[in-house]
Protein backbone atom coordinates (compact mmCIF):
# COMPACT_ATOMS: atom_id res chain seq x y z
CA UNK A 1 0.03 0.07 0.06
CA UNK A 2 1.31 3.45 -0.90
CA UNK A 3 1.51 6.21 1.56
CA UNK A 4 -1.33 8.78 0.95
CA UNK A 5 1.18 11.51 0.53
CA UNK A 6 3.21 9.86 -2.30
CA UNK A 7 2.68 9.47 -5.93
CA UNK A 8 4.44 8.21 -9.08
CA UNK A 9 2.91 10.54 -11.78
CA UNK A 10 1.30 13.92 -11.64
CA UNK A 11 -1.82 14.52 -13.68
CA UNK A 12 -2.76 18.12 -14.04
CA UNK A 13 -6.17 19.05 -15.49
CA UNK A 14 -6.13 22.49 -17.00
CA UNK A 15 -3.31 24.22 -18.89
CA UNK A 16 -3.93 27.66 -17.65
CA UNK A 17 -1.61 29.68 -15.43
CA UNK A 18 -2.12 27.52 -12.33
CA UNK A 19 -2.05 24.23 -14.23
CA UNK A 20 1.14 25.12 -16.06
CA UNK A 21 2.74 26.13 -12.71
CA UNK A 22 1.76 22.92 -11.08
CA UNK A 23 3.05 20.93 -14.03
CA UNK A 24 6.33 22.74 -14.09
CA UNK A 25 6.98 22.24 -10.40
CA UNK A 26 6.20 18.57 -10.53
CA UNK A 27 8.44 18.14 -13.66
CA UNK A 28 11.30 20.04 -11.96
CA UNK A 29 10.94 17.74 -8.92
CA UNK A 30 11.48 14.76 -11.29
CA UNK A 31 7.95 13.36 -11.56
CA UNK A 32 6.49 12.38 -14.91
CA UNK A 33 3.62 14.80 -15.66
CA UNK A 34 0.48 14.48 -17.82
CA UNK A 35 -1.06 17.86 -18.61
CA UNK A 36 -4.52 17.85 -20.24
CA UNK A 37 -7.09 20.43 -21.05
CA UNK A 38 -10.50 20.22 -22.83
CA UNK A 39 -9.36 23.19 -25.18
CA UNK A 40 -6.74 21.96 -27.55
CA UNK A 41 -5.59 25.51 -28.37
CA UNK A 42 -5.12 26.17 -24.56
CA UNK A 43 -3.21 22.95 -24.19
CA UNK A 44 -0.92 23.70 -27.11
CA UNK A 45 -0.24 27.28 -25.82
CA UNK A 46 0.51 25.75 -22.28
CA UNK A 47 3.04 23.40 -23.89
CA UNK A 48 4.62 26.15 -25.97
CA UNK A 49 5.13 28.22 -22.74
CA UNK A 50 6.62 25.18 -20.85
CA UNK A 51 8.94 24.35 -23.76
CA UNK A 52 10.17 27.86 -24.30
CA UNK A 53 13.83 27.87 -23.17
CA UNK A 54 13.96 31.61 -22.51
CA UNK A 55 13.78 32.81 -18.95
CA UNK A 56 10.64 34.67 -18.00
CA UNK A 57 10.03 37.31 -15.37
CA UNK A 58 8.04 34.82 -13.38
CA UNK A 59 10.85 32.14 -13.32
CA UNK A 60 12.36 29.57 -15.47
CA UNK A 61 10.50 26.48 -16.45
CA UNK A 62 12.88 23.59 -15.61
CA UNK A 63 12.53 19.90 -16.27
CA UNK A 64 9.93 19.97 -18.87
CA UNK A 65 9.82 17.91 -21.99
CA UNK A 66 6.92 17.01 -24.28
CA UNK A 67 6.48 13.27 -24.94
């Protein structure tokens, strides 16, 4: 039985500002992340932002890769 506080994969529903941030932090911590959104355009935009190698004023997205 797994500890209730542990997990193997992060699944984030929603690619908005909060969802992107949660996905980025989980990826930076070394967890595999599944990011999903019911709006394909919003999901694509979220992935573009996460994959952008340029540092941003709000921080650097580290550890993210599209699979």
